[in-house]
Amino acid sequence: MIDIGKRFDEVAYRYDTPDKLERSKKIIEKLVSVLPIDKNWKVLDVGIGTGNTAVYLSPYVKEIVGTDLSTGMLEVLGKKIKEIGIENIRYYKKDILKEDFEEKDFDLIFNAMTMHHIDDPEKAISRFKEFLKPKGYIAIVDLYKEDGTFHSDNTDVKHFGFDFDEVKRWFEKESVELVYIDNIYTIEKEREGKKREYPVFLAVGKVR
């Protein structure tokens, strides 16, 4: 069985690149324009990684709690928030889809570029709801449906992106009201000598 955490450990210290930082900034700019975020919010960032989106989100909320499977990614995050002086981000090495997690009552659960690594995204939505306040929000950022060429190595990739109908079905089945879904960013990569574009979407749902 593939250990996704260890695979990300291998790339953790070279993961942050200018394009990823710019992508994270754009994602959070869109997120705060869509949601009624305020300084009292407590956010759970599932798959926080090196924490780029969390860093950009941190000024808008009271607290961000992050979870990830990779020790290496969390080490990079820890150094980053210490250097910047951010005090409202905490993190744990934990798989909340499979392990107990005592913290509850989050206003928002955020998940960026992680769903395509998860076996059953619909089941993940159901699990996320357990940690939310009544009428809390779930925000997912991920690849729009692609042909499998986005990653150079698909070993730990479970899905080649998602179309909007799939995402809508996840939410509908779990009684989550879809309040926003659209492509918000495009990642460019060179594949076989040609420039390819891969759209990234944001989907936001509110628990009924």
Foldseek 3Di string as FASTA:
>chain_A
DDQVQVVCLVCQVVPDDPVVLVVLLLVLVVVVVQDVFAADFEEEEEQCFLPSNVVNCQVGYPAYEYEHQHPNRVVNNVVVCVVVVRDRYHYDHDDLLPDDDPAAAGQEYEYEACLQLDQDVLSVVLSVVRRHDAFHKYKYKHWAADDPPPDPDCPRGNGRHYHPVVVVVSCVVNQWAWRDKDFRDWDWDDDPNRIDIITMMMTMTTHD
